PDB file of all heavy atoms in Angstrom:
ATOM      1  N   ALA A   1     191.374 152.766 105.650  1.00  0.00           N
ATOM      2  CA  ALA A   1     189.931 152.995 105.602  1.00  0.00           C
ATOM      3  C   ALA A   1     189.293 152.987 106.986  1.00  0.00           C
ATOM      4  O   ALA A   1     188.068 153.085 107.095  1.00  0.00           O
ATOM      5  CB  ALA A   1     189.262 151.948 104.715  1.00  0.00           C
ATOM      6  N   ASP A   2     190.093 152.893 108.044  1.00  0.00           N
ATOM      7  CA  ASP A   2     189.518 152.832 109.386  1.00  0.00           C
ATOM      8  C   ASP A   2     188.623 154.037 109.685  1.00  0.00           C
ATOM      9  O   ASP A   2     187.528 153.888 110.243  1.00  0.00           O
ATOM     10  CB  ASP A   2     190.621 152.766 110.446  1.00  0.00           C
ATOM     11  CG  ASP A   2     191.191 151.367 110.628  1.00  0.00           C
ATOM     12  OD1 ASP A   2     190.702 150.421 109.977  1.00  0.00           O
ATOM     13  OD2 ASP A   2     192.138 151.229 111.435  1.00  0.00           O
ATOM     14  N   TYR A   3     189.085 155.232 109.342  1.00  0.00           N
ATOM     15  CA  TYR A   3     188.325 156.438 109.698  1.00  0.00           C
ATOM     16  C   TYR A   3     186.970 156.473 108.997  1.00  0.00           C
ATOM     17  O   TYR A   3     185.925 156.592 109.666  1.00  0.00           O
ATOM     18  CB  TYR A   3     189.153 157.686 109.405  1.00  0.00           C
ATOM     19  CG  TYR A   3     188.503 158.968 109.848  1.00  0.00           C
ATOM     20  CD1 TYR A   3     188.096 159.139 111.167  1.00  0.00           C
ATOM     21  CD2 TYR A   3     188.313 160.024 108.955  1.00  0.00           C
ATOM     22  CE1 TYR A   3     187.506 160.323 111.580  1.00  0.00           C
ATOM     23  CE2 TYR A   3     187.727 161.204 109.365  1.00  0.00           C
ATOM     24  CZ  TYR A   3     187.316 161.356 110.678  1.00  0.00           C
ATOM     25  OH  TYR A   3     186.729 162.530 111.087  1.00  0.00           O
ATOM     26  N   PRO A   4     186.908 156.368 107.667  1.00  0.00           N
ATOM     27  CA  PRO A   4     185.579 156.367 107.036  1.00  0.00           C
ATOM     28  C   PRO A   4     184.735 155.154 107.417  1.00  0.00           C
ATOM     29  O   PRO A   4     183.513 155.258 107.553  1.00  0.00           O
ATOM     30  CB  PRO A   4     185.891 156.396 105.538  1.00  0.00           C
ATOM     31  CG  PRO A   4     187.300 155.947 105.414  1.00  0.00           C
ATOM     32  CD  PRO A   4     187.987 156.385 106.657  1.00  0.00           C
ATOM     33  N   ASN A   5     185.364 154.010 107.602  1.00  0.00           N
ATOM     34  CA  ASN A   5     184.590 152.829 107.980  1.00  0.00           C
ATOM     35  C   ASN A   5     184.052 152.946 109.405  1.00  0.00           C
ATOM     36  O   ASN A   5     182.945 152.477 109.696  1.00  0.00           O
ATOM     37  CB  ASN A   5     185.435 151.573 107.829  1.00  0.00           C
ATOM     38  CG  ASN A   5     185.567 151.142 106.375  1.00  0.00           C
ATOM     39  OD1 ASN A   5     184.832 151.612 105.508  1.00  0.00           O
ATOM     40  ND2 ASN A   5     186.494 150.249 106.103  1.00  0.00           N
ATOM     41  N   ARG A   6     184.819 153.572 110.272  1.00  0.00           N
ATOM     42  CA  ARG A   6     184.316 153.790 111.638  1.00  0.00           C
ATOM     43  C   ARG A   6     183.088 154.702 111.599  1.00  0.00           C
ATOM     44  O   ARG A   6     182.123 154.505 112.358  1.00  0.00           O
ATOM     45  CB  ARG A   6     185.427 154.383 112.503  1.00  0.00           C
ATOM     46  CG  ARG A   6     185.055 154.512 113.967  1.00  0.00           C
ATOM     47  CD  ARG A   6     186.262 154.897 114.813  1.00  0.00           C
ATOM     48  NE  ARG A   6     187.196 153.776 114.927  1.00  0.00           N
ATOM     49  CZ  ARG A   6     188.415 153.781 114.431  1.00  0.00           C
ATOM     50  NH1 ARG A   6     188.863 154.821 113.742  1.00  0.00           N
ATOM     51  NH2 ARG A   6     189.206 152.730 114.579  1.00  0.00           N
ATOM     52  N   HIS A   7     183.108 155.678 110.725  1.00  0.00           N
ATOM     53  CA  HIS A   7     181.960 156.583 110.592  1.00  0.00           C
ATOM     54  C   HIS A   7     180.740 155.815 110.085  1.00  0.00           C
ATOM     55  O   HIS A   7     179.614 156.037 110.554  1.00  0.00           O
ATOM     56  CB  HIS A   7     182.302 157.731 109.644  1.00  0.00           C
ATOM     57  CG  HIS A   7     181.270 158.803 109.603  1.00  0.00           C
ATOM     58  ND1 HIS A   7     180.994 159.621 110.674  1.00  0.00           N
ATOM     59  CD2 HIS A   7     180.408 159.184 108.618  1.00  0.00           C
ATOM     60  CE1 HIS A   7     180.028 160.473 110.354  1.00  0.00           C
ATOM     61  NE2 HIS A   7     179.658 160.224 109.119  1.00  0.00           N
ATOM     62  N   ILE A   8     180.947 154.906 109.139  1.00  0.00           N
ATOM     63  CA  ILE A   8     179.843 154.080 108.645  1.00  0.00           C
ATOM     64  C   ILE A   8     179.291 153.200 109.758  1.00  0.00           C
ATOM     65  O   ILE A   8     178.067 153.076 109.934  1.00  0.00           O
ATOM     66  CB  ILE A   8     180.311 153.236 107.440  1.00  0.00           C
ATOM     67  CG1 ILE A   8     180.500 154.130 106.212  1.00  0.00           C
ATOM     68  CG2 ILE A   8     179.326 152.115 107.135  1.00  0.00           C
ATOM     69  CD1 ILE A   8     181.117 153.435 105.029  1.00  0.00           C
ATOM     70  N   ALA A   9     180.181 152.598 110.534  1.00  0.00           N
ATOM     71  CA  ALA A   9     179.732 151.746 111.642  1.00  0.00           C
ATOM     72  C   ALA A   9     178.931 152.553 112.654  1.00  0.00           C
ATOM     73  O   ALA A   9     177.909 152.079 113.183  1.00  0.00           O
ATOM     74  CB  ALA A   9     180.930 151.085 112.306  1.00  0.00           C
ATOM     75  N   LYS A  10     179.373 153.778 112.917  1.00  0.00           N
ATOM     76  CA  LYS A  10     178.723 154.603 113.939  1.00  0.00           C
ATOM     77  C   LYS A  10     177.399 155.163 113.463  1.00  0.00           C
ATOM     78  O   LYS A  10     176.408 155.171 114.210  1.00  0.00           O
ATOM     79  CB  LYS A  10     179.664 155.745 114.336  1.00  0.00           C
ATOM     80  CG  LYS A  10     179.153 156.599 115.489  1.00  0.00           C
ATOM     81  CD  LYS A  10     180.188 157.625 115.896  1.00  0.00           C
ATOM     82  CE  LYS A  10     179.685 158.478 117.059  1.00  0.00           C
ATOM     83  NZ  LYS A  10     180.695 159.478 117.481  1.00  0.00           N
ATOM     84  N   THR A  11     177.326 155.648 112.212  1.00  0.00           N
ATOM     85  CA  THR A  11     176.125 156.339 111.750  1.00  0.00           C
ATOM     86  C   THR A  11     175.097 155.415 111.116  1.00  0.00           C
ATOM     87  O   THR A  11     173.895 155.671 111.209  1.00  0.00           O
ATOM     88  CB  THR A  11     176.494 157.442 110.740  1.00  0.00           C
ATOM     89  OG1 THR A  11     177.161 156.858 109.608  1.00  0.00           O
ATOM     90  CG2 THR A  11     177.403 158.480 111.383  1.00  0.00           C
ATOM     91  N   ILE A  12     175.562 154.349 110.477  1.00  0.00           N
ATOM     92  CA  ILE A  12     174.645 153.427 109.792  1.00  0.00           C
ATOM     93  C   ILE A  12     174.373 152.205 110.648  1.00  0.00           C
ATOM     94  O   ILE A  12     173.333 151.563 110.522  1.00  0.00           O
ATOM     95  CB  ILE A  12     175.227 153.017 108.420  1.00  0.00           C
ATOM     96  CG1 ILE A  12     175.358 154.248 107.507  1.00  0.00           C
ATOM     97  CG2 ILE A  12     174.369 151.947 107.750  1.00  0.00           C
ATOM     98  CD1 ILE A  12     176.043 153.957 106.192  1.00  0.00           C
ATOM     99  N   GLY A  13     175.303 151.873 111.529  1.00  0.00           N
ATOM    100  CA  GLY A  13     175.147 150.682 112.338  1.00  0.00           C
ATOM    101  C   GLY A  13     175.567 149.414 111.639  1.00  0.00           C
ATOM    102  O   GLY A  13     175.137 148.320 112.005  1.00  0.00           O
ATOM    103  N   ALA A  14     176.413 149.552 110.628  1.00  0.00           N
ATOM    104  CA  ALA A  14     176.891 148.383 109.885  1.00  0.00           C
ATOM    105  C   ALA A  14     178.237 147.926 110.436  1.00  0.00           C
ATOM    106  O   ALA A  14     179.075 148.741 110.833  1.00  0.00           O
ATOM    107  CB  ALA A  14     177.034 148.705 108.406  1.00  0.00           C
ATOM    108  N   ILE A  15     178.442 146.619 110.451  1.00  0.00           N
ATOM    109  CA  ILE A  15     179.783 146.074 110.667  1.00  0.00           C
ATOM    110  C   ILE A  15     180.578 146.307 109.387  1.00  0.00           C
ATOM    111  O   ILE A  15     180.101 145.988 108.293  1.00  0.00           O
ATOM    112  CB  ILE A  15     179.720 144.576 110.974  1.00  0.00           C
ATOM    113  CG1 ILE A  15     179.079 144.328 112.339  1.00  0.00           C
ATOM    114  CG2 ILE A  15     181.100 143.936 110.927  1.00  0.00           C
ATOM    115  CD1 ILE A  15     178.835 142.880 112.638  1.00  0.00           C
ATOM    116  N   THR A  16     181.761 146.882 109.505  1.00  0.00           N
ATOM    117  CA  THR A  16     182.589 147.078 108.322  1.00  0.00           C
ATOM    118  C   THR A  16     183.730 146.068 108.330  1.00  0.00           C
ATOM    119  O   THR A  16     184.355 145.824 109.364  1.00  0.00           O
ATOM    120  CB  THR A  16     183.158 148.502 108.237  1.00  0.00           C
ATOM    121  OG1 THR A  16     184.091 148.721 109.301  1.00  0.00           O
ATOM    122  CG2 THR A  16     182.035 149.531 108.325  1.00  0.00           C
ATOM    123  N   VAL A  17     183.961 145.485 107.179  1.00  0.00           N
ATOM    124  CA  VAL A  17     185.047 144.522 106.985  1.00  0.00           C
ATOM    125  C   VAL A  17     185.878 145.019 105.810  1.00  0.00           C
ATOM    126  O   VAL A  17     185.378 145.118 104.686  1.00  0.00           O
ATOM    127  CB  VAL A  17     184.515 143.106 106.700  1.00  0.00           C
ATOM    128  CG1 VAL A  17     185.671 142.130 106.498  1.00  0.00           C
ATOM    129  CG2 VAL A  17     183.589 142.627 107.820  1.00  0.00           C
ATOM    130  N   SER A  18     187.128 145.370 106.071  1.00  0.00           N
ATOM    131  CA  SER A  18     188.011 145.867 105.012  1.00  0.00           C
ATOM    132  C   SER A  18     189.138 144.861 104.804  1.00  0.00           C
ATOM    133  O   SER A  18     189.725 144.364 105.763  1.00  0.00           O
ATOM    134  CB  SER A  18     188.584 147.234 105.384  1.00  0.00           C
ATOM    135  OG  SER A  18     189.218 147.840 104.273  1.00  0.00           O
ATOM    136  N   VAL A  19     189.434 144.586 103.538  1.00  0.00           N
ATOM    137  CA  VAL A  19     190.308 143.471 103.186  1.00  0.00           C
ATOM    138  C   VAL A  19     191.734 143.953 102.891  1.00  0.00           C
ATOM    139  O   VAL A  19     191.940 144.855 102.084  1.00  0.00           O
ATOM    140  CB  VAL A  19     189.754 142.715 101.950  1.00  0.00           C
ATOM    141  CG1 VAL A  19     190.651 141.526 101.597  1.00  0.00           C
ATOM    142  CG2 VAL A  19     188.320 142.252 102.212  1.00  0.00           C
ATOM    143  N   ASP A  20     192.705 143.320 103.546  1.00  0.00           N
ATOM    144  CA  ASP A  20     194.123 143.568 103.247  1.00  0.00           C
ATOM    145  C   ASP A  20     194.585 142.574 102.189  1.00  0.00           C
ATOM    146  O   ASP A  20     195.332 141.631 102.483  1.00  0.00           O
ATOM    147  CB  ASP A  20     194.969 143.423 104.517  1.00  0.00           C
ATOM    148  CG  ASP A  20     195.444 144.757 105.056  1.00  0.00           C
ATOM    149  OD1 ASP A  20     195.694 145.673 104.248  1.00  0.00           O
ATOM    150  OD2 ASP A  20     195.549 144.885 106.286  1.00  0.00           O
ATOM    151  N   TYR A  21     194.129 142.788 100.973  1.00  0.00           N
ATOM    152  CA  TYR A  21     194.458 141.873  99.892  1.00  0.00           C
ATOM    153  C   TYR A  21     195.935 141.999  99.489  1.00  0.00           C
ATOM    154  O   TYR A  21     196.597 143.011  99.748  1.00  0.00           O
ATOM    155  CB  TYR A  21     193.552 142.122  98.684  1.00  0.00           C
ATOM    156  CG  TYR A  21     193.523 143.557  98.175  1.00  0.00           C
ATOM    157  CD1 TYR A  21     194.510 144.048  97.327  1.00  0.00           C
ATOM    158  CD2 TYR A  21     192.484 144.420  98.536  1.00  0.00           C
ATOM    159  CE1 TYR A  21     194.483 145.339  96.847  1.00  0.00           C
ATOM    160  CE2 TYR A  21     192.441 145.719  98.063  1.00  0.00           C
ATOM    161  CZ  TYR A  21     193.439 146.178  97.227  1.00  0.00           C
ATOM    162  OH  TYR A  21     193.410 147.468  96.767  1.00  0.00           O
ATOM    163  N   ARG A  22     196.448 140.959  98.856  1.00  0.00           N
ATOM    164  CA  ARG A  22     197.849 140.956  98.415  1.00  0.00           C
ATOM    165  C   ARG A  22     198.069 141.989  97.310  1.00  0.00           C
ATOM    166  O   ARG A  22     197.172 142.232  96.498  1.00  0.00           O
ATOM    167  CB  ARG A  22     198.236 139.561  97.922  1.00  0.00           C
ATOM    168  CG  ARG A  22     198.361 138.521  99.025  1.00  0.00           C
ATOM    169  CD  ARG A  22     198.497 137.127  98.447  1.00  0.00           C
ATOM    170  NE  ARG A  22     197.244 136.683  97.828  1.00  0.00           N
ATOM    171  CZ  ARG A  22     197.119 135.577  97.096  1.00  0.00           C
ATOM    172  NH1 ARG A  22     198.186 134.814  96.851  1.00  0.00           N
ATOM    173  NH2 ARG A  22     195.947 135.243  96.591  1.00  0.00           N
ATOM    174  N   LEU A  23     199.263 142.573  97.307  1.00  0.00           N
ATOM    175  CA  LEU A  23     199.567 143.660  96.390  1.00  0.00           C
ATOM    176  C   LEU A  23     200.567 143.239  95.318  1.00  0.00           C
ATOM    177  O   LEU A  23     201.447 142.403  95.555  1.00  0.00           O
ATOM    178  CB  LEU A  23     200.141 144.852  97.165  1.00  0.00           C
ATOM    179  CG  LEU A  23     199.223 145.472  98.241  1.00  0.00           C
ATOM    180  CD1 LEU A  23     199.983 146.554  99.003  1.00  0.00           C
ATOM    181  CD2 LEU A  23     197.953 146.044  97.621  1.00  0.00           C
ATOM    182  N   ALA A  24     200.439 143.845  94.139  1.00  0.00           N
ATOM    183  CA  ALA A  24     201.416 143.719  93.070  1.00  0.00           C
ATOM    184  C   ALA A  24     202.592 144.668  93.379  1.00  0.00           C
ATOM    185  O   ALA A  24     202.431 145.623  94.143  1.00  0.00           O
ATOM    186  CB  ALA A  24     200.753 144.065  91.741  1.00  0.00           C
ATOM    187  N   PRO A  25     203.757 144.445  92.790  1.00  0.00           N
ATOM    188  CA  PRO A  25     204.073 143.407  91.799  1.00  0.00           C
ATOM    189  C   PRO A  25     204.395 142.038  92.384  1.00  0.00           C
ATOM    190  O   PRO A  25     204.491 141.068  91.648  1.00  0.00           O
ATOM    191  CB  PRO A  25     205.291 143.991  91.086  1.00  0.00           C
ATOM    192  CG  PRO A  25     205.970 144.809  92.141  1.00  0.00           C
ATOM    193  CD  PRO A  25     204.877 145.404  92.964  1.00  0.00           C
ATOM    194  N   ALA A  26     204.558 141.961  93.707  1.00  0.00           N
ATOM    195  CA  ALA A  26     204.875 140.652  94.294  1.00  0.00           C
ATOM    196  C   ALA A  26     203.753 139.648  94.043  1.00  0.00           C
ATOM    197  O   ALA A  26     204.001 138.454  93.875  1.00  0.00           O
ATOM    198  CB  ALA A  26     205.124 140.803  95.793  1.00  0.00           C
ATOM    199  N   HIS A  27     202.530 140.162  93.992  1.00  0.00           N
ATOM    200  CA  HIS A  27     201.369 139.292  93.803  1.00  0.00           C
ATOM    201  C   HIS A  27     200.474 139.890  92.714  1.00  0.00           C
ATOM    202  O   HIS A  27     199.519 140.605  93.014  1.00  0.00           O
ATOM    203  CB  HIS A  27     200.586 139.155  95.106  1.00  0.00           C
ATOM    204  CG  HIS A  27     201.401 138.645  96.256  1.00  0.00           C
ATOM    205  ND1 HIS A  27     201.752 137.321  96.385  1.00  0.00           N
ATOM    206  CD2 HIS A  27     201.950 139.296  97.314  1.00  0.00           C
ATOM    207  CE1 HIS A  27     202.471 137.162  97.479  1.00  0.00           C
ATOM    208  NE2 HIS A  27     202.613 138.340  98.055  1.00  0.00           N
ATOM    209  N   PRO A  28     200.784 139.623  91.441  1.00  0.00           N
ATOM    210  CA  PRO A  28     199.970 140.193  90.364  1.00  0.00           C
ATOM    211  C   PRO A  28     198.588 139.552  90.287  1.00  0.00           C
ATOM    212  O   PRO A  28     198.286 138.591  91.006  1.00  0.00           O
ATOM    213  CB  PRO A  28     200.798 139.891  89.109  1.00  0.00           C
ATOM    214  CG  PRO A  28     201.611 138.687  89.472  1.00  0.00           C
ATOM    215  CD  PRO A  28     201.909 138.823  90.941  1.00  0.00           C
ATOM    216  N   PHE A  29     197.746 140.118  89.426  1.00  0.00           N
ATOM    217  CA  PHE A  29     196.409 139.574  89.202  1.00  0.00           C
ATOM    218  C   PHE A  29     196.503 138.083  88.872  1.00  0.00           C
ATOM    219  O   PHE A  29     197.395 137.682  88.135  1.00  0.00           O
ATOM    220  CB  PHE A  29     195.764 140.320  88.015  1.00  0.00           C
ATOM    221  CG  PHE A  29     194.381 139.858  87.668  1.00  0.00           C
ATOM    222  CD1 PHE A  29     193.279 140.358  88.337  1.00  0.00           C
ATOM    223  CD2 PHE A  29     194.181 138.923  86.664  1.00  0.00           C
ATOM    224  CE1 PHE A  29     192.005 139.936  88.021  1.00  0.00           C
ATOM    225  CE2 PHE A  29     192.907 138.488  86.341  1.00  0.00           C
ATOM    226  CZ  PHE A  29     191.815 139.002  87.026  1.00  0.00           C
ATOM    227  N   PRO A  30     195.638 137.249  89.468  1.00  0.00           N
ATOM    228  CA  PRO A  30     194.389 137.579  90.167  1.00  0.00           C
ATOM    229  C   PRO A  30     194.471 137.543  91.683  1.00  0.00           C
ATOM    230  O   PRO A  30     193.443 137.345  92.350  1.00  0.00           O
ATOM    231  CB  PRO A  30     193.460 136.481  89.666  1.00  0.00           C
ATOM    232  CG  PRO A  30     194.351 135.276  89.561  1.00  0.00           C
ATOM    233  CD  PRO A  30     195.691 135.815  89.100  1.00  0.00           C
ATOM    234  N   ALA A  31     195.657 137.750  92.283  1.00  0.00           N
ATOM    235  CA  ALA A  31     195.802 137.579  93.730  1.00  0.00           C
ATOM    236  C   ALA A  31     194.851 138.480  94.513  1.00  0.00           C
ATOM    237  O   ALA A  31     194.149 138.017  95.423  1.00  0.00           O
ATOM    238  CB  ALA A  31     197.250 137.852  94.137  1.00  0.00           C
ATOM    239  N   ALA A  32     194.818 139.775  94.196  1.00  0.00           N
ATOM    240  CA  ALA A  32     193.963 140.705  94.939  1.00  0.00           C
ATOM    241  C   ALA A  32     192.491 140.326  94.795  1.00  0.00           C
ATOM    242  O   ALA A  32     191.742 140.290  95.770  1.00  0.00           O
ATOM    243  CB  ALA A  32     194.192 142.129  94.449  1.00  0.00           C
ATOM    244  N   ARG A  33     192.090 140.042  93.569  1.00  0.00           N
ATOM    245  CA  ARG A  33     190.692 139.657  93.335  1.00  0.00           C
ATOM    246  C   ARG A  33     190.343 138.401  94.115  1.00  0.00           C
ATOM    247  O   ARG A  33     189.270 138.318  94.724  1.00  0.00           O
ATOM    248  CB  ARG A  33     190.448 139.430  91.843  1.00  0.00           C
ATOM    249  CG  ARG A  33     189.006 139.064  91.502  1.00  0.00           C
ATOM    250  CD  ARG A  33     188.906 138.380  90.158  1.00  0.00           C
ATOM    251  NE  ARG A  33     189.597 137.074  90.168  1.00  0.00           N
ATOM    252  CZ  ARG A  33     189.698 136.296  89.088  1.00  0.00           C
ATOM    253  NH1 ARG A  33     189.189 136.687  87.937  1.00  0.00           N
ATOM    254  NH2 ARG A  33     190.332 135.134  89.171  1.00  0.00           N
ATOM    255  N   ASP A  34     191.223 137.422  94.102  1.00  0.00           N
ATOM    256  CA  ASP A  34     190.925 136.161  94.769  1.00  0.00           C
ATOM    257  C   ASP A  34     190.824 136.331  96.281  1.00  0.00           C
ATOM    258  O   ASP A  34     189.979 135.699  96.928  1.00  0.00           O
ATOM    259  CB  ASP A  34     191.988 135.123  94.411  1.00  0.00           C
ATOM    260  CG  ASP A  34     191.897 134.677  92.957  1.00  0.00           C
ATOM    261  OD1 ASP A  34     190.909 135.033  92.282  1.00  0.00           O
ATOM    262  OD2 ASP A  34     192.824 133.975  92.503  1.00  0.00           O
ATOM    263  N   ASP A  35     191.677 137.179  96.863  1.00  0.00           N
ATOM    264  CA  ASP A  35     191.578 137.447  98.300  1.00  0.00           C
ATOM    265  C   ASP A  35     190.235 138.093  98.638  1.00  0.00           C
ATOM    266  O   ASP A  35     189.574 137.714  99.625  1.00  0.00           O
ATOM    267  CB  ASP A  35     192.711 138.364  98.752  1.00  0.00           C
ATOM    268  CG  ASP A  35     194.056 137.663  98.789  1.00  0.00           C
ATOM    269  OD1 ASP A  35     194.099 136.423  98.646  1.00  0.00           O
ATOM    270  OD2 ASP A  35     195.072 138.364  98.964  1.00  0.00           O
ATOM    271  N   CYS A  36     189.834 139.067  97.837  1.00  0.00           N
ATOM    272  CA  CYS A  36     188.565 139.764  98.088  1.00  0.00           C
ATOM    273  C   CYS A  36     187.382 138.817  97.904  1.00  0.00           C
ATOM    274  O   CYS A  36     186.417 138.843  98.685  1.00  0.00           O
ATOM    275  CB  CYS A  36     188.446 140.963  97.158  1.00  0.00           C
ATOM    276  SG  CYS A  36     189.650 142.280  97.492  1.00  0.00           S
ATOM    277  N   PHE A  37     187.458 137.956  96.905  1.00  0.00           N
ATOM    278  CA  PHE A  37     186.389 136.972  96.682  1.00  0.00           C
ATOM    279  C   PHE A  37     186.301 136.006  97.861  1.00  0.00           C
ATOM    280  O   PHE A  37     185.193 135.654  98.301  1.00  0.00           O
ATOM    281  CB  PHE A  37     186.640 136.198  95.390  1.00  0.00           C
ATOM    282  CG  PHE A  37     185.702 135.036  95.197  1.00  0.00           C
ATOM    283  CD1 PHE A  37     184.413 135.241  94.734  1.00  0.00           C
ATOM    284  CD2 PHE A  37     186.117 133.742  95.476  1.00  0.00           C
ATOM    285  CE1 PHE A  37     183.538 134.165  94.568  1.00  0.00           C
ATOM    286  CE2 PHE A  37     185.256 132.666  95.318  1.00  0.00           C
ATOM    287  CZ  PHE A  37     183.959 132.878  94.858  1.00  0.00           C
ATOM    288  N   THR A  38     187.443 135.560  98.363  1.00  0.00           N
ATOM    289  CA  THR A  38     187.457 134.622  99.491  1.00  0.00           C
ATOM    290  C   THR A  38     186.703 135.200 100.687  1.00  0.00           C
ATOM    291  O   THR A  38     185.894 134.511 101.324  1.00  0.00           O
ATOM    292  CB  THR A  38     188.906 134.294  99.891  1.00  0.00           C
ATOM    293  OG1 THR A  38     189.531 133.575  98.825  1.00  0.00           O
ATOM    294  CG2 THR A  38     188.962 133.452 101.153  1.00  0.00           C
ATOM    295  N   VAL A  39     186.952 136.475 100.987  1.00  0.00           N
ATOM    296  CA  VAL A  39     186.280 137.105 102.127  1.00  0.00           C
ATOM    297  C   VAL A  39     184.790 137.285 101.841  1.00  0.00           C
ATOM    298  O   VAL A  39     183.943 137.027 102.709  1.00  0.00           O
ATOM    299  CB  VAL A  39     186.947 138.442 102.467  1.00  0.00           C
ATOM    300  CG1 VAL A  39     186.185 139.163 103.583  1.00  0.00           C
ATOM    301  CG2 VAL A  39     188.401 138.224 102.880  1.00  0.00           C
ATOM    302  N   ALA A  40     184.449 137.725 100.628  1.00  0.00           N
ATOM    303  CA  ALA A  40     183.036 137.912 100.282  1.00  0.00           C
ATOM    304  C   ALA A  40     182.266 136.604 100.387  1.00  0.00           C
ATOM    305  O   ALA A  40     181.156 136.545 100.947  1.00  0.00           O
ATOM    306  CB  ALA A  40     182.915 138.485  98.873  1.00  0.00           C
ATOM    307  N   ARG A  41     182.839 135.536  99.855  1.00  0.00           N
ATOM    308  CA  ARG A  41     182.177 134.232  99.899  1.00  0.00           C
ATOM    309  C   ARG A  41     181.984 133.773 101.345  1.00  0.00           C
ATOM    310  O   ARG A  41     180.923 133.246 101.708  1.00  0.00           O
ATOM    311  CB  ARG A  41     183.035 133.232  99.133  1.00  0.00           C
ATOM    312  CG  ARG A  41     182.538 131.813  99.057  1.00  0.00           C
ATOM    313  CD  ARG A  41     181.378 131.648  98.115  1.00  0.00           C
ATOM    314  NE  ARG A  41     180.104 131.645  98.801  1.00  0.00           N
ATOM    315  CZ  ARG A  41     178.944 131.410  98.220  1.00  0.00           C
ATOM    316  NH1 ARG A  41     178.896 131.177  96.919  1.00  0.00           N
ATOM    317  NH2 ARG A  41     177.827 131.432  98.903  1.00  0.00           N
TER     318      ARG A  41
END
């Protein structure tokens, strides 16, 4: 998501934060959700 997020940062002036959450099948639900929640919180 670097390319579209860089465009958002440049045109909107927002800091973009993209999450490298854990992936299945090594890490099934709720691992991805919990990683994303941790960053949001």
